Structures are given as structure tokens and as C-alpha cells.
PDB file of all heavy atoms in Angstrom:
ATOM      1  N   ARG A   1      18.853 -99.686 -26.680  1.00  0.00           N
ATOM      2  CA  ARG A   1      17.920 -99.373 -27.654  1.00  0.00           C
ATOM      3  C   ARG A   1      18.481 -98.343 -28.694  1.00  0.00           C
ATOM      4  O   ARG A   1      19.329 -97.612 -28.446  1.00  0.00           O
ATOM      5  CB  ARG A   1      16.611 -98.846 -27.095  1.00  0.00           C
ATOM      6  CG  ARG A   1      16.762 -97.472 -26.384  1.00  0.00           C
ATOM      7  CD  ARG A   1      15.482 -97.120 -25.665  1.00  0.00           C
ATOM      8  NE  ARG A   1      15.550 -95.801 -24.989  1.00  0.00           N
ATOM      9  CZ  ARG A   1      14.632 -95.333 -24.190  1.00  0.00           C
ATOM     10  NH1 ARG A   1      13.564 -96.065 -23.877  1.00  0.00           N
ATOM     11  NH2 ARG A   1      14.851 -94.138 -23.609  1.00  0.00           N
ATOM     12  N   GLN A   2      17.853 -98.460 -29.955  1.00  0.00           N
ATOM     13  CA  GLN A   2      18.351 -97.571 -31.018  1.00  0.00           C
ATOM     14  C   GLN A   2      17.099 -97.176 -31.847  1.00  0.00           C
ATOM     15  O   GLN A   2      16.427 -98.007 -32.384  1.00  0.00           O
ATOM     16  CB  GLN A   2      19.408 -98.250 -31.873  1.00  0.00           C
ATOM     17  CG  GLN A   2      19.970 -97.346 -32.877  1.00  0.00           C
ATOM     18  CD  GLN A   2      21.252 -97.941 -33.494  1.00  0.00           C
ATOM     19  OE1 GLN A   2      21.436 -99.076 -33.545  1.00  0.00           O
ATOM     20  NE2 GLN A   2      22.150 -97.014 -33.950  1.00  0.00           N
ATOM     21  N   ALA A   3      16.886 -95.864 -31.909  1.00  0.00           N
ATOM     22  CA  ALA A   3      15.909 -95.295 -32.795  1.00  0.00           C
ATOM     23  C   ALA A   3      16.509 -94.890 -34.109  1.00  0.00           C
ATOM     24  O   ALA A   3      17.674 -94.603 -34.157  1.00  0.00           O
ATOM     25  CB  ALA A   3      15.221 -94.094 -32.143  1.00  0.00           C
ATOM     26  N   PRO A   4      15.707 -94.760 -35.165  1.00  0.00           N
ATOM     27  CA  PRO A   4      16.242 -94.381 -36.442  1.00  0.00           C
ATOM     28  C   PRO A   4      17.016 -93.099 -36.337  1.00  0.00           C
ATOM     29  O   PRO A   4      16.502 -92.076 -35.811  1.00  0.00           O
ATOM     30  CB  PRO A   4      15.036 -94.281 -37.365  1.00  0.00           C
ATOM     31  CG  PRO A   4      14.009 -95.223 -36.741  1.00  0.00           C
ATOM     32  CD  PRO A   4      14.271 -95.147 -35.227  1.00  0.00           C
ATOM     33  N   GLY A   5      18.196 -93.042 -36.958  1.00  0.00           N
ATOM     34  CA  GLY A   5      18.986 -91.847 -36.910  1.00  0.00           C
ATOM     35  C   GLY A   5      19.604 -91.489 -35.612  1.00  0.00           C
ATOM     36  O   GLY A   5      20.292 -90.443 -35.497  1.00  0.00           O
ATOM     37  N   LYS A   6      19.472 -92.402 -34.655  1.00  0.00           N
ATOM     38  CA  LYS A   6      20.014 -92.075 -33.266  1.00  0.00           C
ATOM     39  C   LYS A   6      21.169 -93.119 -32.963  1.00  0.00           C
ATOM     40  O   LYS A   6      21.159 -94.231 -33.543  1.00  0.00           O
ATOM     41  CB  LYS A   6      18.977 -92.207 -32.208  1.00  0.00           C
ATOM     42  CG  LYS A   6      17.777 -91.166 -32.434  1.00  0.00           C
ATOM     43  CD  LYS A   6      18.246 -89.722 -32.141  1.00  0.00           C
ATOM     44  CE  LYS A   6      17.048 -88.811 -32.226  1.00  0.00           C
ATOM     45  NZ  LYS A   6      17.435 -87.454 -31.920  1.00  0.00           N
ATOM     46  N   ASP A   7      22.044 -92.751 -31.986  1.00  0.00           N
ATOM     47  CA  ASP A   7      23.003 -93.715 -31.562  1.00  0.00           C
ATOM     48  C   ASP A   7      22.283 -94.752 -30.696  1.00  0.00           C
ATOM     49  O   ASP A   7      21.278 -94.468 -30.018  1.00  0.00           O
ATOM     50  CB  ASP A   7      24.065 -92.965 -30.769  1.00  0.00           C
ATOM     51  CG  ASP A   7      24.930 -92.100 -31.595  1.00  0.00           C
ATOM     52  OD1 ASP A   7      25.011 -92.354 -32.746  1.00  0.00           O
ATOM     53  OD2 ASP A   7      25.511 -91.184 -31.027  1.00  0.00           O
ATOM     54  N   ARG A   8      22.930 -95.882 -30.631  1.00  0.00           N
ATOM     55  CA  ARG A   8      22.513 -96.894 -29.664  1.00  0.00           C
ATOM     56  C   ARG A   8      22.710 -96.417 -28.247  1.00  0.00           C
ATOM     57  O   ARG A   8      23.826 -95.992 -27.900  1.00  0.00           O
ATOM     58  CB  ARG A   8      23.250 -98.263 -29.918  1.00  0.00           C
ATOM     59  CG  ARG A   8      22.596 -99.396 -29.143  1.00  0.00           C
ATOM     60  CD  ARG A   8      23.198-100.734 -29.651  1.00  0.00           C
ATOM     61  NE  ARG A   8      22.903-100.971 -30.999  1.00  0.00           N
ATOM     62  CZ  ARG A   8      23.132-102.057 -31.649  1.00  0.00           C
ATOM     63  NH1 ARG A   8      23.758-103.053 -31.012  1.00  0.00           N
ATOM     64  NH2 ARG A   8      22.795-102.211 -32.952  1.00  0.00           N
ATOM     65  N   GLU A   9      21.720 -96.485 -27.413  1.00  0.00           N
ATOM     66  CA  GLU A   9      21.825 -95.972 -26.025  1.00  0.00           C
ATOM     67  C   GLU A   9      21.559 -97.031 -25.045  1.00  0.00           C
ATOM     68  O   GLU A   9      20.727 -97.950 -25.176  1.00  0.00           O
ATOM     69  CB  GLU A   9      20.915 -94.799 -25.812  1.00  0.00           C
ATOM     70  CG  GLU A   9      19.439 -95.065 -25.827  1.00  0.00           C
ATOM     71  CD  GLU A   9      18.588 -93.848 -25.451  1.00  0.00           C
ATOM     72  OE1 GLU A   9      19.141 -92.821 -25.066  1.00  0.00           O
ATOM     73  OE2 GLU A   9      17.356 -93.948 -25.561  1.00  0.00           O
ATOM     74  N   PHE A  10      22.245 -96.864 -23.921  1.00  0.00           N
ATOM     75  CA  PHE A  10      22.059 -97.793 -22.819  1.00  0.00           C
ATOM     76  C   PHE A  10      20.676 -97.667 -22.149  1.00  0.00           C
ATOM     77  O   PHE A  10      20.191 -96.466 -21.986  1.00  0.00           O
ATOM     78  CB  PHE A  10      23.142 -97.478 -21.755  1.00  0.00           C
ATOM     79  CG  PHE A  10      22.941 -98.140 -20.471  1.00  0.00           C
ATOM     80  CD1 PHE A  10      23.232 -99.483 -20.304  1.00  0.00           C
ATOM     81  CD2 PHE A  10      22.489 -97.468 -19.342  1.00  0.00           C
ATOM     82  CE1 PHE A  10      23.020-100.105 -19.099  1.00  0.00           C
ATOM     83  CE2 PHE A  10      22.312 -98.040 -18.092  1.00  0.00           C
ATOM     84  CZ  PHE A  10      22.594 -99.395 -17.968  1.00  0.00           C
ATOM     85  N   VAL A  11      20.103 -98.776 -21.752  1.00  0.00           N
ATOM     86  CA  VAL A  11      18.821 -98.683 -21.077  1.00  0.00           C
ATOM     87  C   VAL A  11      18.948 -99.254 -19.656  1.00  0.00           C
ATOM     88  O   VAL A  11      18.543 -98.576 -18.723  1.00  0.00           O
ATOM     89  CB  VAL A  11      17.760 -99.520 -21.836  1.00  0.00           C
ATOM     90  CG1 VAL A  11      16.432 -99.617 -21.065  1.00  0.00           C
ATOM     91  CG2 VAL A  11      17.516 -99.000 -23.245  1.00  0.00           C
ATOM     92  N   ALA A  12      19.489-100.459 -19.547  1.00  0.00           N
ATOM     93  CA  ALA A  12      19.567-101.031 -18.220  1.00  0.00           C
ATOM     94  C   ALA A  12      20.587-102.170 -18.254  1.00  0.00           C
ATOM     95  O   ALA A  12      20.892-102.732 -19.369  1.00  0.00           O
ATOM     96  CB  ALA A  12      18.196-101.634 -17.753  1.00  0.00           C
ATOM     97  N   ALA A  13      21.067-102.568 -17.066  1.00  0.00           N
ATOM     98  CA  ALA A  13      22.052-103.660 -16.966  1.00  0.00           C
ATOM     99  C   ALA A  13      21.922-104.369 -15.648  1.00  0.00           C
ATOM    100  O   ALA A  13      21.332-103.756 -14.682  1.00  0.00           O
ATOM    101  CB  ALA A  13      23.496-103.159 -17.126  1.00  0.00           C
ATOM    102  N   ILE A  14      22.361-105.516 -15.612  1.00  0.00           N
ATOM    103  CA  ILE A  14      22.191-106.401 -14.403  1.00  0.00           C
ATOM    104  C   ILE A  14      23.425-107.228 -14.321  1.00  0.00           C
ATOM    105  O   ILE A  14      23.901-107.793 -15.315  1.00  0.00           O
ATOM    106  CB  ILE A  14      20.855-107.214 -14.425  1.00  0.00           C
ATOM    107  CG1 ILE A  14      20.625-107.867 -13.064  1.00  0.00           C
ATOM    108  CG2 ILE A  14      20.907-108.200 -15.609  1.00  0.00           C
ATOM    109  CD1 ILE A  14      19.181-108.468 -13.085  1.00  0.00           C
ATOM    110  N   ASN A  15      23.880-107.461 -13.091  1.00  0.00           N
ATOM    111  CA  ASN A  15      25.115-108.347 -12.913  1.00  0.00           C
ATOM    112  C   ASN A  15      24.733-109.773 -13.003  1.00  0.00           C
ATOM    113  O   ASN A  15      23.536-110.117 -13.142  1.00  0.00           O
ATOM    114  CB  ASN A  15      25.826-107.988 -11.588  1.00  0.00           C
ATOM    115  CG  ASN A  15      25.016-108.404 -10.370  1.00  0.00           C
ATOM    116  OD1 ASN A  15      23.814-108.653 -10.386  1.00  0.00           O
ATOM    117  ND2 ASN A  15      25.793-108.641  -9.260  1.00  0.00           N
ATOM    118  N   TRP A  16      25.675-110.615 -12.859  1.00  0.00           N
ATOM    119  CA  TRP A  16      25.494-112.028 -13.161  1.00  0.00           C
ATOM    120  C   TRP A  16      24.436-112.687 -12.346  1.00  0.00           C
ATOM    121  O   TRP A  16      23.829-113.589 -12.839  1.00  0.00           O
ATOM    122  CB  TRP A  16      26.882-112.757 -13.005  1.00  0.00           C
ATOM    123  CG  TRP A  16      27.342-112.972 -11.650  1.00  0.00           C
ATOM    124  CD1 TRP A  16      27.992-112.058 -10.822  1.00  0.00           C
ATOM    125  CD2 TRP A  16      27.095-114.090 -10.802  1.00  0.00           C
ATOM    126  NE1 TRP A  16      28.284-112.602  -9.604  1.00  0.00           N
ATOM    127  CE2 TRP A  16      27.717-113.872  -9.604  1.00  0.00           C
ATOM    128  CE3 TRP A  16      26.398-115.286 -11.001  1.00  0.00           C
ATOM    129  CZ2 TRP A  16      27.677-114.757  -8.544  1.00  0.00           C
ATOM    130  CZ3 TRP A  16      26.367-116.259  -9.987  1.00  0.00           C
ATOM    131  CH2 TRP A  16      27.032-115.938  -8.709  1.00  0.00           C
ATOM    132  N   ASN A  17      24.328-112.309 -11.046  1.00  0.00           N
ATOM    133  CA  ASN A  17      23.365-113.012 -10.193  1.00  0.00           C
ATOM    134  C   ASN A  17      22.162-112.214  -9.882  1.00  0.00           C
ATOM    135  O   ASN A  17      21.343-112.539  -9.019  1.00  0.00           O
ATOM    136  CB  ASN A  17      24.005-113.489  -8.955  1.00  0.00           C
ATOM    137  CG  ASN A  17      24.536-112.404  -8.141  1.00  0.00           C
ATOM    138  OD1 ASN A  17      24.492-111.165  -8.395  1.00  0.00           O
ATOM    139  ND2 ASN A  17      25.135-112.726  -6.896  1.00  0.00           N
ATOM    140  N   GLY A  18      22.031-111.058 -10.523  1.00  0.00           N
ATOM    141  CA  GLY A  18      20.823-110.234 -10.337  1.00  0.00           C
ATOM    142  C   GLY A  18      20.826-109.341  -9.096  1.00  0.00           C
ATOM    143  O   GLY A  18      19.772-108.745  -8.825  1.00  0.00           O
ATOM    144  N   THR A  19      21.915-109.200  -8.403  1.00  0.00           N
ATOM    145  CA  THR A  19      21.901-108.412  -7.173  1.00  0.00           C
ATOM    146  C   THR A  19      22.158-106.976  -7.349  1.00  0.00           C
ATOM    147  O   THR A  19      21.922-106.227  -6.459  1.00  0.00           O
ATOM    148  CB  THR A  19      22.960-109.029  -6.162  1.00  0.00           C
ATOM    149  OG1 THR A  19      24.262-108.939  -6.802  1.00  0.00           O
ATOM    150  CG2 THR A  19      22.593-110.473  -5.787  1.00  0.00           C
ATOM    151  N   SER A  20      22.636-106.608  -8.562  1.00  0.00           N
ATOM    152  CA  SER A  20      22.932-105.179  -8.862  1.00  0.00           C
ATOM    153  C   SER A  20      22.219-104.878 -10.158  1.00  0.00           C
ATOM    154  O   SER A  20      22.383-105.587 -11.154  1.00  0.00           O
ATOM    155  CB  SER A  20      24.408-104.910  -8.898  1.00  0.00           C
ATOM    156  OG  SER A  20      25.012-105.118  -7.713  1.00  0.00           O
ATOM    157  N   THR A  21      21.599-103.756 -10.191  1.00  0.00           N
ATOM    158  CA  THR A  21      20.936-103.274 -11.423  1.00  0.00           C
ATOM    159  C   THR A  21      21.239-101.792 -11.651  1.00  0.00           C
ATOM    160  O   THR A  21      21.535-101.050 -10.774  1.00  0.00           O
ATOM    161  CB  THR A  21      19.370-103.403 -11.393  1.00  0.00           C
ATOM    162  OG1 THR A  21      18.891-102.720 -10.280  1.00  0.00           O
ATOM    163  CG2 THR A  21      19.061-104.842 -11.292  1.00  0.00           C
ATOM    164  N   TYR A  22      21.251-101.361 -12.922  1.00  0.00           N
ATOM    165  CA  TYR A  22      21.619-100.052 -13.397  1.00  0.00           C
ATOM    166  C   TYR A  22      20.645 -99.553 -14.439  1.00  0.00           C
ATOM    167  O   TYR A  22      20.251-100.398 -15.305  1.00  0.00           O
ATOM    168  CB  TYR A  22      23.010-100.152 -13.926  1.00  0.00           C
ATOM    169  CG  TYR A  22      23.988-100.809 -13.054  1.00  0.00           C
ATOM    170  CD1 TYR A  22      24.148-102.151 -13.069  1.00  0.00           C
ATOM    171  CD2 TYR A  22      24.809-100.074 -12.086  1.00  0.00           C
ATOM    172  CE1 TYR A  22      25.108-102.752 -12.343  1.00  0.00           C
ATOM    173  CE2 TYR A  22      25.647-100.707 -11.314  1.00  0.00           C
ATOM    174  CZ  TYR A  22      25.822-102.094 -11.381  1.00  0.00           C
ATOM    175  OH  TYR A  22      26.702-102.719 -10.523  1.00  0.00           O
ATOM    176  N   TYR A  23      20.252 -98.327 -14.400  1.00  0.00           N
ATOM    177  CA  TYR A  23      19.246 -97.901 -15.338  1.00  0.00           C
ATOM    178  C   TYR A  23      19.654 -96.440 -15.865  1.00  0.00           C
ATOM    179  O   TYR A  23      20.199 -95.664 -15.103  1.00  0.00           O
ATOM    180  CB  TYR A  23      17.869 -97.680 -14.671  1.00  0.00           C
ATOM    181  CG  TYR A  23      17.231 -98.992 -14.243  1.00  0.00           C
ATOM    182  CD1 TYR A  23      17.447 -99.467 -12.941  1.00  0.00           C
ATOM    183  CD2 TYR A  23      16.597 -99.764 -15.123  1.00  0.00           C
ATOM    184  CE1 TYR A  23      16.927-100.650 -12.518  1.00  0.00           C
ATOM    185  CE2 TYR A  23      15.965-100.984 -14.707  1.00  0.00           C
ATOM    186  CZ  TYR A  23      16.168-101.402 -13.392  1.00  0.00           C
ATOM    187  OH  TYR A  23      15.607-102.579 -12.975  1.00  0.00           O
ATOM    188  N   GLN A  24      19.306 -96.256 -17.096  1.00  0.00           N
ATOM    189  CA  GLN A  24      19.258 -94.922 -17.701  1.00  0.00           C
ATOM    190  C   GLN A  24      18.257 -94.059 -16.906  1.00  0.00           C
ATOM    191  O   GLN A  24      17.164 -94.551 -16.583  1.00  0.00           O
ATOM    192  CB  GLN A  24      18.937 -94.946 -19.181  1.00  0.00           C
ATOM    193  CG  GLN A  24      19.043 -93.575 -19.851  1.00  0.00           C
ATOM    194  CD  GLN A  24      18.290 -93.570 -21.131  1.00  0.00           C
ATOM    195  OE1 GLN A  24      17.216 -93.013 -21.238  1.00  0.00           O
ATOM    196  NE2 GLN A  24      18.802 -94.228 -22.139  1.00  0.00           N
ATOM    197  N   ASP A  25      18.614 -92.843 -16.717  1.00  0.00           N
ATOM    198  CA  ASP A  25      17.732 -91.949 -15.855  1.00  0.00           C
ATOM    199  C   ASP A  25      16.331 -91.919 -16.451  1.00  0.00           C
ATOM    200  O   ASP A  25      15.354 -91.868 -15.657  1.00  0.00           O
ATOM    201  CB  ASP A  25      18.345 -90.577 -15.793  1.00  0.00           C
ATOM    202  CG  ASP A  25      19.502 -90.454 -14.912  1.00  0.00           C
ATOM    203  OD1 ASP A  25      19.750 -91.426 -14.109  1.00  0.00           O
ATOM    204  OD2 ASP A  25      20.254 -89.413 -14.935  1.00  0.00           O
ATOM    205  N   SER A  26      16.151 -91.863 -17.704  1.00  0.00           N
ATOM    206  CA  SER A  26      14.836 -91.670 -18.326  1.00  0.00           C
ATOM    207  C   SER A  26      13.908 -92.874 -18.102  1.00  0.00           C
ATOM    208  O   SER A  26      12.713 -92.716 -18.258  1.00  0.00           O
ATOM    209  CB  SER A  26      14.956 -91.374 -19.768  1.00  0.00           C
ATOM    210  OG  SER A  26      15.408 -92.512 -20.529  1.00  0.00           O
ATOM    211  N   VAL A  27      14.477 -94.043 -17.755  1.00  0.00           N
ATOM    212  CA  VAL A  27      13.641 -95.187 -17.542  1.00  0.00           C
ATOM    213  C   VAL A  27      13.527 -95.618 -16.055  1.00  0.00           C
ATOM    214  O   VAL A  27      12.727 -96.578 -15.766  1.00  0.00           O
ATOM    215  CB  VAL A  27      14.075 -96.382 -18.361  1.00  0.00           C
ATOM    216  CG1 VAL A  27      14.255 -95.998 -19.829  1.00  0.00           C
ATOM    217  CG2 VAL A  27      15.395 -96.970 -17.882  1.00  0.00           C
ATOM    218  N   LYS A  28      14.290 -94.997 -15.154  1.00  0.00           N
ATOM    219  CA  LYS A  28      14.188 -95.303 -13.782  1.00  0.00           C
ATOM    220  C   LYS A  28      12.726 -95.131 -13.259  1.00  0.00           C
ATOM    221  O   LYS A  28      12.088 -94.202 -13.493  1.00  0.00           O
ATOM    222  CB  LYS A  28      15.134 -94.351 -12.968  1.00  0.00           C
ATOM    223  CG  LYS A  28      16.609 -94.768 -13.168  1.00  0.00           C
ATOM    224  CD  LYS A  28      17.447 -93.780 -12.315  1.00  0.00           C
ATOM    225  CE  LYS A  28      18.941 -94.123 -12.509  1.00  0.00           C
ATOM    226  NZ  LYS A  28      19.784 -93.210 -11.738  1.00  0.00           N
TER     227      LYS A  28
END
């Protein structure tokens, strides 16, 4: 996600088959 005037930041990710997920602390 990217807010005006801010850098693009990571939110979440998932591997190819959905068995592993990753989250930014603020959205966990």
C-alpha cells in the first residue's frame, strides 16, 4: 500500500500454494 507522500510499504504476502503467510506488524 502507498499513501500520499509515503513510500510503498509491505502489507502481506503468501506463497504459491497458500501454506505460508506473512504480515506487516500493524495489520496482524
